[in-house]
Structures are given as structure tokens and as C-alpha cells.
């Protein structure tokens, strides 16, 4: 799994035209044509302590890895919103699946 590392990579992805805002998170996606997928996770320090933030990142990582074989090539950012810490994983999973369908970033969508 490749990750976004530089501020420039994050900024380019944030400026993309494919965005989806859910109640608990937001997804930003920018297609690229070099058949690589990169992901970045953004969890603010306003969201709980380090243990809580790491749990959220682990959940995001799991959701992304599950969907990776079906995604178009591109850069994706998963941005956590304030109330995400209290949400069960199944709710996040349903919201994530709905978001990637609505964004049209699945290979056969």
C-alpha cells in the first residue's frame, strides 16, 4: 500500500473534483493514469487521544485494503470528522461502500 507523503500530494488530491462528505468522514479522490494507488489518512488531534486516532486510522486502512482491488487508479484521502470515534465499524463500512459507489471510483462502475 503506497501512501501520500508530501503536502503537495495532499493538496493536489484535496483540489480534485471527486469528493464525498459523509456524516463521519470525507473522501477525496483524484484519478491518475499510471496504475498506482496512493492513500492518505487525516485524523485531527481534536479527535480523542493518540489511541483513539490510531484506531480510526486502522479502521480506514482496513476499509481501503478491502476495496483496493476494485478501485480505479488514483490518489485517495480519507478525512475523519469529529464524531467518528463513537461510530461502530459496521456503520463506517456501510458509509464507505456507499461513498465509493457514489463517487464512481470502482473499476467496473
PDB file of N, CA and C in Angstrom:
ATOM      1  N   UNK A   1       0.847  -1.171   0.000  1.00  0.00           N
ATOM      2  CA  UNK A   1       0.000   0.000   0.000  1.00  0.00           C
ATOM      3  C   UNK A   1       0.897   1.240   0.000  1.00  0.00           C
ATOM      4  N   UNK A   2       0.781   2.046  -1.036  1.00  0.00           N
ATOM      5  CA  UNK A   2       1.548   3.287  -1.136  1.00  0.00           C
ATOM      6  C   UNK A   2       0.769   4.412  -0.467  1.00  0.00           C
ATOM      7  N   UNK A   3       1.490   5.330   0.163  1.00  0.00           N
ATOM      8  CA  UNK A   3       0.823   6.422   0.861  1.00  0.00           C
ATOM      9  C   UNK A   3       1.236   7.773   0.295  1.00  0.00           C
ATOM     10  N   UNK A   4       0.348   8.736   0.453  1.00  0.00           N
ATOM     11  CA  UNK A   4       0.664  10.122   0.118  1.00  0.00           C
ATOM     12  C   UNK A   4       1.590  10.641   1.208  1.00  0.00           C
ATOM     13  N   UNK A   5       2.646  11.314   0.828  1.00  0.00           N
ATOM     14  CA  UNK A   5       3.622  11.734   1.824  1.00  0.00           C
ATOM     15  C   UNK A   5       3.800  13.249   1.909  1.00  0.00           C
ATOM     16  N   UNK A   6       3.827  13.926   0.778  1.00  0.00           N
ATOM     17  CA  UNK A   6       4.154  15.349   0.796  1.00  0.00           C
ATOM     18  C   UNK A   6       2.897  16.212   0.841  1.00  0.00           C
ATOM     19  N   UNK A   7       3.087  17.432   1.288  1.00  0.00           N
ATOM     20  CA  UNK A   7       1.981  18.390   1.324  1.00  0.00           C
ATOM     21  C   UNK A   7       1.437  18.625  -0.082  1.00  0.00           C
ATOM     22  N   UNK A   8       2.311  18.636  -1.067  1.00  0.00           N
ATOM     23  CA  UNK A   8       1.900  18.853  -2.457  1.00  0.00           C
ATOM     24  C   UNK A   8       0.957  17.741  -2.928  1.00  0.00           C
ATOM     25  N   UNK A   9       1.277  16.494  -2.584  1.00  0.00           N
ATOM     26  CA  UNK A   9       0.406  15.375  -2.959  1.00  0.00           C
ATOM     27  C   UNK A   9      -0.968  15.506  -2.306  1.00  0.00           C
ATOM     28  N   UNK A  10      -0.973  15.870  -1.024  1.00  0.00           N
ATOM     29  CA  UNK A  10      -2.243  16.055  -0.325  1.00  0.00           C
ATOM     30  C   UNK A  10      -3.037  17.202  -0.942  1.00  0.00           C
ATOM     31  N   UNK A  11      -2.382  18.331  -1.205  1.00  0.00           N
ATOM     32  CA  UNK A  11      -3.068  19.494  -1.771  1.00  0.00           C
ATOM     33  C   UNK A  11      -3.660  19.192  -3.142  1.00  0.00           C
ATOM     34  N   UNK A  12      -2.917  18.483  -3.991  1.00  0.00           N
ATOM     35  CA  UNK A  12      -3.432  18.122  -5.313  1.00  0.00           C
ATOM     36  C   UNK A  12      -4.669  17.238  -5.200  1.00  0.00           C
ATOM     37  N   UNK A  13      -4.670  16.337  -4.246  1.00  0.00           N
ATOM     38  CA  UNK A  13      -5.816  15.447  -4.068  1.00  0.00           C
ATOM     39  C   UNK A  13      -7.001  16.202  -3.478  1.00  0.00           C
ATOM     40  N   UNK A  14      -6.744  17.108  -2.533  1.00  0.00           N
ATOM     41  CA  UNK A  14      -7.832  17.909  -1.958  1.00  0.00           C
ATOM     42  C   UNK A  14      -8.523  18.759  -3.028  1.00  0.00           C
ATOM     43  N   UNK A  15      -7.767  19.214  -4.029  1.00  0.00           N
ATOM     44  CA  UNK A  15      -8.330  20.073  -5.073  1.00  0.00           C
ATOM     45  C   UNK A  15      -9.058  19.284  -6.158  1.00  0.00           C
ATOM     46  N   UNK A  16      -9.134  17.977  -6.012  1.00  0.00           N
ATOM     47  CA  UNK A  16      -9.769  17.141  -7.033  1.00  0.00           C
ATOM     48  C   UNK A  16     -11.264  17.425  -7.099  1.00  0.00           C
ATOM     49  N   UNK A  17     -11.886  16.990  -8.183  1.00  0.00           N
ATOM     50  CA  UNK A  17     -13.313  17.243  -8.343  1.00  0.00           C
ATOM     51  C   UNK A  17     -14.170  16.103  -7.802  1.00  0.00           C
ATOM     52  N   UNK A  18     -13.558  15.018  -7.350  1.00  0.00           N
ATOM     53  CA  UNK A  18     -14.333  13.908  -6.795  1.00  0.00           C
ATOM     54  C   UNK A  18     -14.212  13.938  -5.277  1.00  0.00           C
ATOM     55  N   UNK A  19     -15.314  14.341  -4.630  1.00  0.00           N
ATOM     56  CA  UNK A  19     -15.341  14.452  -3.175  1.00  0.00           C
ATOM     57  C   UNK A  19     -16.646  13.863  -2.676  1.00  0.00           C
ATOM     58  N   UNK A  20     -16.596  13.299  -1.493  1.00  0.00           N
ATOM     59  CA  UNK A  20     -17.818  12.802  -0.866  1.00  0.00           C
ATOM     60  C   UNK A  20     -17.721  13.074   0.623  1.00  0.00           C
ATOM     61  N   UNK A  21     -18.724  13.764   1.150  1.00  0.00           N
ATOM     62  CA  UNK A  21     -18.767  14.065   2.576  1.00  0.00           C
ATOM     63  C   UNK A  21     -19.869  13.244   3.214  1.00  0.00           C
ATOM     64  N   UNK A  22     -19.482  12.418   4.153  1.00  0.00           N
ATOM     65  CA  UNK A  22     -20.402  11.613   4.938  1.00  0.00           C
ATOM     66  C   UNK A  22     -20.550  12.299   6.294  1.00  0.00           C
ATOM     67  N   UNK A  23     -21.421  11.782   7.135  1.00  0.00           N
ATOM     68  CA  UNK A  23     -21.595  12.362   8.458  1.00  0.00           C
ATOM     69  C   UNK A  23     -20.329  12.202   9.312  1.00  0.00           C
ATOM     70  N   UNK A  24     -19.576  11.124   9.079  1.00  0.00           N
ATOM     71  CA  UNK A  24     -18.443  10.803   9.939  1.00  0.00           C
ATOM     72  C   UNK A  24     -17.077  10.961   9.278  1.00  0.00           C
ATOM     73  N   UNK A  25     -17.029  11.049   7.950  1.00  0.00           N
ATOM     74  CA  UNK A  25     -15.753  11.172   7.252  1.00  0.00           C
ATOM     75  C   UNK A  25     -15.977  11.788   5.877  1.00  0.00           C
ATOM     76  N   UNK A  26     -14.874  12.143   5.228  1.00  0.00           N
ATOM     77  CA  UNK A  26     -14.921  12.659   3.856  1.00  0.00           C
ATOM     78  C   UNK A  26     -13.885  11.899   3.032  1.00  0.00           C
ATOM     79  N   UNK A  27     -14.193  11.740   1.744  1.00  0.00           N
ATOM     80  CA  UNK A  27     -13.268  11.086   0.823  1.00  0.00           C
ATOM     81  C   UNK A  27     -12.958  12.055  -0.307  1.00  0.00           C
ATOM     82  N   UNK A  28     -11.688  12.196  -0.621  1.00  0.00           N
ATOM     83  CA  UNK A  28     -11.232  12.976  -1.763  1.00  0.00           C
ATOM     84  C   UNK A  28     -10.500  12.007  -2.682  1.00  0.00           C
ATOM     85  N   UNK A  29     -10.811  12.045  -3.989  1.00  0.00           N
ATOM     86  CA  UNK A  29     -10.196  11.103  -4.926  1.00  0.00           C
ATOM     87  C   UNK A  29      -9.770  11.835  -6.182  1.00  0.00           C
ATOM     88  N   UNK A  30      -8.546  11.568  -6.608  1.00  0.00           N
ATOM     89  CA  UNK A  30      -8.032  12.143  -7.850  1.00  0.00           C
ATOM     90  C   UNK A  30      -7.466  11.012  -8.692  1.00  0.00           C
ATOM     91  N   UNK A  31      -8.033  10.827  -9.875  1.00  0.00           N
ATOM     92  CA  UNK A  31      -7.569   9.752 -10.757  1.00  0.00           C
ATOM     93  C   UNK A  31      -6.191  10.091 -11.312  1.00  0.00           C
ATOM     94  N   UNK A  32      -5.401   9.044 -11.543  1.00  0.00           N
ATOM     95  CA  UNK A  32      -4.136   9.203 -12.252  1.00  0.00           C
ATOM     96  C   UNK A  32      -4.059   8.121 -13.315  1.00  0.00           C
ATOM     97  N   UNK A  33      -3.119   8.235 -14.200  1.00  0.00           N
ATOM     98  CA  UNK A  33      -3.052   7.325 -15.341  1.00  0.00           C
ATOM     99  C   UNK A  33      -1.832   6.414 -15.293  1.00  0.00           C
ATOM    100  N   UNK A  34      -1.215   6.275 -14.133  1.00  0.00           N
ATOM    101  CA  UNK A  34      -0.023   5.432 -14.056  1.00  0.00           C
ATOM    102  C   UNK A  34      -0.258   4.157 -13.245  1.00  0.00           C
ATOM    103  N   UNK A  35      -1.481   3.753 -13.111  1.00  0.00           N
ATOM    104  CA  UNK A  35      -1.906   2.484 -12.484  1.00  0.00           C
ATOM    105  C   UNK A  35      -1.339   2.254 -11.084  1.00  0.00           C
ATOM    106  N   UNK A  36      -1.148   3.325 -10.328  1.00  0.00           N
ATOM    107  CA  UNK A  36      -0.774   3.170  -8.923  1.00  0.00           C
ATOM    108  C   UNK A  36      -1.840   3.822  -8.062  1.00  0.00           C
ATOM    109  N   UNK A  37      -2.049   3.235  -6.919  1.00  0.00           N
ATOM    110  CA  UNK A  37      -2.995   3.795  -5.964  1.00  0.00           C
ATOM    111  C   UNK A  37      -2.219   4.259  -4.742  1.00  0.00           C
ATOM    112  N   UNK A  38      -2.510   5.474  -4.308  1.00  0.00           N
ATOM    113  CA  UNK A  38      -1.909   6.003  -3.090  1.00  0.00           C
ATOM    114  C   UNK A  38      -3.038   6.454  -2.180  1.00  0.00           C
ATOM    115  N   UNK A  39      -2.787   6.377  -0.888  1.00  0.00           N
ATOM    116  CA  UNK A  39      -3.808   6.770   0.073  1.00  0.00           C
ATOM    117  C   UNK A  39      -3.171   7.610   1.172  1.00  0.00           C
ATOM    118  N   UNK A  40      -3.969   8.521   1.714  1.00  0.00           N
ATOM    119  CA  UNK A  40      -3.547   9.322   2.849  1.00  0.00           C
ATOM    120  C   UNK A  40      -4.675   9.363   3.861  1.00  0.00           C
ATOM    121  N   UNK A  41      -4.326   9.353   5.129  1.00  0.00           N
ATOM    122  CA  UNK A  41      -5.323   9.401   6.191  1.00  0.00           C
ATOM    123  C   UNK A  41      -5.112  10.673   6.985  1.00  0.00           C
ATOM    124  N   UNK A  42      -6.190  11.378   7.255  1.00  0.00           N
ATOM    125  CA  UNK A  42      -6.098  12.616   8.005  1.00  0.00           C
ATOM    126  C   UNK A  42      -7.038  12.540   9.205  1.00  0.00           C
ATOM    127  N   UNK A  43      -6.441  12.509  10.400  1.00  0.00           N
ATOM    128  CA  UNK A  43      -7.214  12.448  11.638  1.00  0.00           C
ATOM    129  C   UNK A  43      -6.683  13.550  12.548  1.00  0.00           C
ATOM    130  N   UNK A  44      -7.507  14.535  12.808  1.00  0.00           N
ATOM    131  CA  UNK A  44      -7.100  15.705  13.581  1.00  0.00           C
ATOM    132  C   UNK A  44      -6.854  15.367  15.050  1.00  0.00           C
ATOM    133  N   UNK A  45      -6.027  16.163  15.693  1.00  0.00           N
ATOM    134  CA  UNK A  45      -5.787  15.988  17.125  1.00  0.00           C
ATOM    135  C   UNK A  45      -7.008  16.368  17.959  1.00  0.00           C
ATOM    136  N   UNK A  46      -7.997  16.981  17.326  1.00  0.00           N
ATOM    137  CA  UNK A  46      -9.242  17.302  18.020  1.00  0.00           C
ATOM    138  C   UNK A  46     -10.057  16.044  18.305  1.00  0.00           C
ATOM    139  N   UNK A  47      -9.698  14.952  17.634  1.00  0.00           N
ATOM    140  CA  UNK A  47     -10.435  13.695  17.775  1.00  0.00           C
ATOM    141  C   UNK A  47      -9.708  12.809  18.772  1.00  0.00           C
ATOM    142  N   UNK A  48     -10.106  12.855  20.018  1.00  0.00           N
ATOM    143  CA  UNK A  48      -9.596  11.945  21.034  1.00  0.00           C
ATOM    144  C   UNK A  48      -8.095  12.002  21.255  1.00  0.00           C
ATOM    145  N   UNK A  49      -7.619  10.972  21.954  1.00  0.00           N
ATOM    146  CA  UNK A  49      -6.186  10.871  22.221  1.00  0.00           C
ATOM    147  C   UNK A  49      -5.520  10.030  21.133  1.00  0.00           C
ATOM    148  N   UNK A  50      -4.236   9.767  21.276  1.00  0.00           N
ATOM    149  CA  UNK A  50      -3.483   9.043  20.249  1.00  0.00           C
ATOM    150  C   UNK A  50      -4.035   7.638  20.019  1.00  0.00           C
ATOM    151  N   UNK A  51      -4.477   6.984  21.081  1.00  0.00           N
ATOM    152  CA  UNK A  51      -5.031   5.637  20.951  1.00  0.00           C
ATOM    153  C   UNK A  51      -6.273   5.663  20.065  1.00  0.00           C
ATOM    154  N   UNK A  52      -7.128   6.631  20.295  1.00  0.00           N
ATOM    155  CA  UNK A  52      -8.361   6.777  19.514  1.00  0.00           C
ATOM    156  C   UNK A  52      -8.053   7.105  18.053  1.00  0.00           C
ATOM    157  N   UNK A  53      -7.132   8.021  17.827  1.00  0.00           N
ATOM    158  CA  UNK A  53      -6.769   8.396  16.455  1.00  0.00           C
ATOM    159  C   UNK A  53      -6.160   7.220  15.702  1.00  0.00           C
ATOM    160  N   UNK A  54      -5.336   6.433  16.370  1.00  0.00           N
ATOM    161  CA  UNK A  54      -4.738   5.264  15.726  1.00  0.00           C
ATOM    162  C   UNK A  54      -5.782   4.205  15.406  1.00  0.00           C
ATOM    163  N   UNK A  55      -6.782   4.052  16.262  1.00  0.00           N
ATOM    164  CA  UNK A  55      -7.879   3.125  15.986  1.00  0.00           C
ATOM    165  C   UNK A  55      -8.615   3.543  14.715  1.00  0.00           C
ATOM    166  N   UNK A  56      -8.868   4.824  14.586  1.00  0.00           N
ATOM    167  CA  UNK A  56      -9.559   5.336  13.396  1.00  0.00           C
ATOM    168  C   UNK A  56      -8.715   5.083  12.148  1.00  0.00           C
ATOM    169  N   UNK A  57      -7.411   5.324  12.237  1.00  0.00           N
ATOM    170  CA  UNK A  57      -6.533   5.076  11.083  1.00  0.00           C
ATOM    171  C   UNK A  57      -6.484   3.593  10.723  1.00  0.00           C
ATOM    172  N   UNK A  58      -6.483   2.724  11.734  1.00  0.00           N
ATOM    173  CA  UNK A  58      -6.510   1.280  11.455  1.00  0.00           C
ATOM    174  C   UNK A  58      -7.797   0.891  10.752  1.00  0.00           C
ATOM    175  N   UNK A  59      -8.910   1.473  11.168  1.00  0.00           N
ATOM    176  CA  UNK A  59     -10.193   1.192  10.513  1.00  0.00           C
ATOM    177  C   UNK A  59     -10.185   1.689   9.073  1.00  0.00           C
ATOM    178  N   UNK A  60      -9.692   2.894   8.853  1.00  0.00           N
ATOM    179  CA  UNK A  60      -9.589   3.431   7.492  1.00  0.00           C
ATOM    180  C   UNK A  60      -8.703   2.531   6.629  1.00  0.00           C
ATOM    181  N   UNK A  61      -7.569   2.121   7.181  1.00  0.00           N
ATOM    182  CA  UNK A  61      -6.640   1.266   6.443  1.00  0.00           C
ATOM    183  C   UNK A  61      -7.308  -0.044   6.038  1.00  0.00           C
ATOM    184  N   UNK A  62      -8.079  -0.618   6.949  1.00  0.00           N
ATOM    185  CA  UNK A  62      -8.779  -1.872   6.658  1.00  0.00           C
ATOM    186  C   UNK A  62      -9.811  -1.676   5.544  1.00  0.00           C
ATOM    187  N   UNK A  63     -10.588  -0.612   5.625  1.00  0.00           N
ATOM    188  CA  UNK A  63     -11.588  -0.340   4.586  1.00  0.00           C
ATOM    189  C   UNK A  63     -10.921  -0.160   3.229  1.00  0.00           C
ATOM    190  N   UNK A  64      -9.825   0.575   3.217  1.00  0.00           N
ATOM    191  CA  UNK A  64      -9.123   0.832   1.962  1.00  0.00           C
ATOM    192  C   UNK A  64      -8.546  -0.456   1.378  1.00  0.00           C
ATOM    193  N   UNK A  65      -7.902  -1.264   2.205  1.00  0.00           N
ATOM    194  CA  UNK A  65      -7.290  -2.508   1.718  1.00  0.00           C
ATOM    195  C   UNK A  65      -8.337  -3.468   1.168  1.00  0.00           C
ATOM    196  N   UNK A  66      -9.524  -3.498   1.791  1.00  0.00           N
ATOM    197  CA  UNK A  66     -10.600  -4.364   1.296  1.00  0.00           C
ATOM    198  C   UNK A  66     -11.042  -3.960  -0.103  1.00  0.00           C
ATOM    199  N   UNK A  67     -11.090  -2.669  -0.363  1.00  0.00           N
ATOM    200  CA  UNK A  67     -11.617  -2.181  -1.641  1.00  0.00           C
ATOM    201  C   UNK A  67     -10.540  -1.967  -2.702  1.00  0.00           C
ATOM    202  N   UNK A  68      -9.283  -2.038  -2.337  1.00  0.00           N
ATOM    203  CA  UNK A  68      -8.181  -1.726  -3.249  1.00  0.00           C
ATOM    204  C   UNK A  68      -8.221  -2.480  -4.581  1.00  0.00           C
ATOM    205  N   UNK A  69      -8.501  -3.785  -4.617  1.00  0.00           N
ATOM    206  CA  UNK A  69      -8.516  -4.478  -5.915  1.00  0.00           C
ATOM    207  C   UNK A  69      -9.598  -3.979  -6.872  1.00  0.00           C
ATOM    208  N   UNK A  70     -10.611  -3.293  -6.346  1.00  0.00           N
ATOM    209  CA  UNK A  70     -11.741  -2.865  -7.163  1.00  0.00           C
ATOM    210  C   UNK A  70     -11.707  -1.386  -7.524  1.00  0.00           C
ATOM    211  N   UNK A  71     -10.722  -0.639  -7.003  1.00  0.00           N
ATOM    212  CA  UNK A  71     -10.666   0.806  -7.219  1.00  0.00           C
ATOM    213  C   UNK A  71      -9.933   1.157  -8.505  1.00  0.00           C
ATOM    214  N   UNK A  72     -10.351   2.258  -9.113  1.00  0.00           N
ATOM    215  CA  UNK A  72      -9.597   2.820 -10.234  1.00  0.00           C
ATOM    216  C   UNK A  72      -8.281   3.353  -9.683  1.00  0.00           C
ATOM    217  N   UNK A  73      -7.290   3.506 -10.550  1.00  0.00           N
ATOM    218  CA  UNK A  73      -6.006   4.011 -10.067  1.00  0.00           C
ATOM    219  C   UNK A  73      -6.133   5.498  -9.761  1.00  0.00           C
ATOM    220  N   UNK A  74      -5.587   5.877  -8.622  1.00  0.00           N
ATOM    221  CA  UNK A  74      -5.659   7.270  -8.219  1.00  0.00           C
ATOM    222  C   UNK A  74      -5.194   7.474  -6.794  1.00  0.00           C
ATOM    223  N   UNK A  75      -5.263   8.726  -6.367  1.00  0.00           N
ATOM    224  CA  UNK A  75      -4.883   9.106  -5.012  1.00  0.00           C
ATOM    225  C   UNK A  75      -6.150   9.358  -4.208  1.00  0.00           C
ATOM    226  N   UNK A  76      -6.180   8.853  -2.982  1.00  0.00           N
ATOM    227  CA  UNK A  76      -7.358   8.993  -2.135  1.00  0.00           C
ATOM    228  C   UNK A  76      -6.951   9.502  -0.763  1.00  0.00           C
ATOM    229  N   UNK A  77      -7.776  10.394  -0.216  1.00  0.00           N
ATOM    230  CA  UNK A  77      -7.595  10.850   1.158  1.00  0.00           C
ATOM    231  C   UNK A  77      -8.865  10.514   1.916  1.00  0.00           C
ATOM    232  N   UNK A  78      -8.701   9.898   3.078  1.00  0.00           N
ATOM    233  CA  UNK A  78      -9.810   9.650   3.989  1.00  0.00           C
ATOM    234  C   UNK A  78      -9.639  10.604   5.164  1.00  0.00           C
ATOM    235  N   UNK A  79     -10.601  11.491   5.341  1.00  0.00           N
ATOM    236  CA  UNK A  79     -10.539  12.544   6.348  1.00  0.00           C
ATOM    237  C   UNK A  79     -11.582  12.273   7.424  1.00  0.00           C
ATOM    238  N   UNK A  80     -11.137  12.118   8.662  1.00  0.00           N
ATOM    239  CA  UNK A  80     -12.049  11.838   9.769  1.00  0.00           C
ATOM    240  C   UNK A  80     -12.698  13.122  10.269  1.00  0.00           C
ATOM    241  N   UNK A  81     -13.979  13.017  10.621  1.00  0.00           N
ATOM    242  CA  UNK A  81     -14.685  14.141  11.232  1.00  0.00           C
ATOM    243  C   UNK A  81     -14.790  13.900  12.740  1.00  0.00           C
ATOM    244  N   UNK A  82     -15.149  14.929  13.471  1.00  0.00           N
ATOM    245  CA  UNK A  82     -15.078  14.938  14.931  1.00  0.00           C
ATOM    246  C   UNK A  82     -15.782  13.756  15.606  1.00  0.00           C
ATOM    247  N   UNK A  83     -16.988  13.414  15.189  1.00  0.00           N
ATOM    248  CA  UNK A  83     -17.777  12.405  15.902  1.00  0.00           C
ATOM    249  C   UNK A  83     -17.478  10.965  15.491  1.00  0.00           C
ATOM    250  N   UNK A  84     -16.443  10.730  14.726  1.00  0.00           N
ATOM    251  CA  UNK A  84     -16.148   9.389  14.204  1.00  0.00           C
ATOM    252  C   UNK A  84     -15.741   8.399  15.298  1.00  0.00           C
ATOM    253  N   UNK A  85     -15.216   8.878  16.408  1.00  0.00           N
ATOM    254  CA  UNK A  85     -14.713   7.991  17.458  1.00  0.00           C
ATOM    255  C   UNK A  85     -15.816   7.134  18.076  1.00  0.00           C
ATOM    256  N   UNK A  86     -17.047   7.614  18.057  1.00  0.00           N
ATOM    257  CA  UNK A  86     -18.150   6.903  18.708  1.00  0.00           C
ATOM    258  C   UNK A  86     -18.901   5.973  17.763  1.00  0.00           C
ATOM    259  N   UNK A  87     -18.502   5.941  16.513  1.00  0.00           N
ATOM    260  CA  UNK A  87     -19.251   5.207  15.494  1.00  0.00           C
ATOM    261  C   UNK A  87     -18.765   3.760  15.405  1.00  0.00           C
ATOM    262  N   UNK A  88     -19.702   2.786  15.376  1.00  0.00           N
ATOM    263  CA  UNK A  88     -19.283   1.389  15.193  1.00  0.00           C
ATOM    264  C   UNK A  88     -18.682   1.161  13.805  1.00  0.00           C
ATOM    265  N   UNK A  89     -17.807   0.168  13.714  1.00  0.00           N
ATOM    266  CA  UNK A  89     -17.107  -0.107  12.464  1.00  0.00           C
ATOM    267  C   UNK A  89     -18.073  -0.427  11.328  1.00  0.00           C
ATOM    268  N   UNK A  90     -19.133  -1.167  11.595  1.00  0.00           N
ATOM    269  CA  UNK A  90     -20.082  -1.540  10.538  1.00  0.00           C
ATOM    270  C   UNK A  90     -20.724  -0.306   9.904  1.00  0.00           C
ATOM    271  N   UNK A  91     -20.999   0.698  10.704  1.00  0.00           N
ATOM    272  CA  UNK A  91     -21.567   1.943  10.173  1.00  0.00           C
ATOM    273  C   UNK A  91     -20.567   2.627   9.244  1.00  0.00           C
ATOM    274  N   UNK A  92     -19.300   2.649   9.648  1.00  0.00           N
ATOM    275  CA  UNK A  92     -18.256   3.224   8.789  1.00  0.00           C
ATOM    276  C   UNK A  92     -18.137   2.448   7.487  1.00  0.00           C
ATOM    277  N   UNK A  93     -18.194   1.134   7.581  1.00  0.00           N
ATOM    278  CA  UNK A  93     -18.051   0.286   6.403  1.00  0.00           C
ATOM    279  C   UNK A  93     -19.180   0.540   5.407  1.00  0.00           C
ATOM    280  N   UNK A  94     -20.393   0.638   5.897  1.00  0.00           N
ATOM    281  CA  UNK A  94     -21.543   0.905   5.026  1.00  0.00           C
ATOM    282  C   UNK A  94     -21.403   2.278   4.372  1.00  0.00           C
ATOM    283  N   UNK A  95     -21.019   3.285   5.157  1.00  0.00           N
ATOM    284  CA  UNK A  95     -20.828   4.629   4.616  1.00  0.00           C
ATOM    285  C   UNK A  95     -19.720   4.690   3.578  1.00  0.00           C
ATOM    286  N   UNK A  96     -18.634   3.976   3.820  1.00  0.00           N
ATOM    287  CA  UNK A  96     -17.502   3.943   2.884  1.00  0.00           C
ATOM    288  C   UNK A  96     -17.911   3.284   1.570  1.00  0.00           C
ATOM    289  N   UNK A  97     -18.601   2.152   1.654  1.00  0.00           N
ATOM    290  CA  UNK A  97     -19.034   1.458   0.440  1.00  0.00           C
ATOM    291  C   UNK A  97     -19.995   2.325  -0.370  1.00  0.00           C
ATOM    292  N   UNK A  98     -20.887   2.998   0.321  1.00  0.00           N
ATOM    293  CA  UNK A  98     -21.826   3.905  -0.350  1.00  0.00           C
ATOM    294  C   UNK A  98     -21.059   5.037  -1.045  1.00  0.00           C
ATOM    295  N   UNK A  99     -20.057   5.570  -0.369  1.00  0.00           N
ATOM    296  CA  UNK A  99     -19.284   6.692  -0.911  1.00  0.00           C
ATOM    297  C   UNK A  99     -18.509   6.297  -2.165  1.00  0.00           C
ATOM    298  N   UNK A 100     -17.838   5.142  -2.147  1.00  0.00           N
ATOM    299  CA  UNK A 100     -17.047   4.772  -3.328  1.00  0.00           C
ATOM    300  C   UNK A 100     -17.951   4.429  -4.515  1.00  0.00           C
ATOM    301  N   UNK A 101     -19.161   3.953  -4.230  1.00  0.00           N
ATOM    302  CA  UNK A 101     -20.110   3.723  -5.330  1.00  0.00           C
ATOM    303  C   UNK A 101     -20.583   5.050  -5.915  1.00  0.00           C
ATOM    304  N   UNK A 102     -20.929   5.985  -5.043  1.00  0.00           N
ATOM    305  CA  UNK A 102     -21.437   7.283  -5.499  1.00  0.00           C
ATOM    306  C   UNK A 102     -20.374   8.087  -6.240  1.00  0.00           C
ATOM    307  N   UNK A 103     -19.131   7.955  -5.820  1.00  0.00           N
ATOM    308  CA  UNK A 103     -18.045   8.674  -6.492  1.00  0.00           C
ATOM    309  C   UNK A 103     -17.714   8.075  -7.851  1.00  0.00           C
ATOM    310  N   UNK A 104     -18.102   6.833  -8.071  1.00  0.00           N
ATOM    311  CA  UNK A 104     -17.803   6.177  -9.343  1.00  0.00           C
ATOM    312  C   UNK A 104     -16.338   5.829  -9.497  1.00  0.00           C
ATOM    313  N   UNK A 105     -15.697   5.437  -8.405  1.00  0.00           N
ATOM    314  CA  UNK A 105     -14.270   5.136  -8.474  1.00  0.00           C
ATOM    315  C   UNK A 105     -13.989   3.636  -8.486  1.00  0.00           C
ATOM    316  N   UNK A 106     -15.027   2.838  -8.635  1.00  0.00           N
ATOM    317  CA  UNK A 106     -14.829   1.401  -8.806  1.00  0.00           C
ATOM    318  C   UNK A 106     -14.518   1.128 -10.264  1.00  0.00           C
ATOM    319  N   UNK A 107     -13.696   0.139 -10.540  1.00  0.00           N
ATOM    320  CA  UNK A 107     -13.245  -0.133 -11.907  1.00  0.00           C
ATOM    321  C   UNK A 107     -14.390  -0.467 -12.850  1.00  0.00           C
ATOM    322  N   UNK A 108     -15.376  -1.184 -12.376  1.00  0.00           N
ATOM    323  CA  UNK A 108     -16.473  -1.572 -13.259  1.00  0.00           C
ATOM    324  C   UNK A 108     -17.724  -0.734 -13.044  1.00  0.00           C
ATOM    325  N   UNK A 109     -17.565   0.444 -12.435  1.00  0.00           N
ATOM    326  CA  UNK A 109     -18.732   1.309 -12.191  1.00  0.00           C
ATOM    327  C   UNK A 109     -18.926   2.287 -13.327  1.00  0.00           C
TER     328      UNK A 109
END
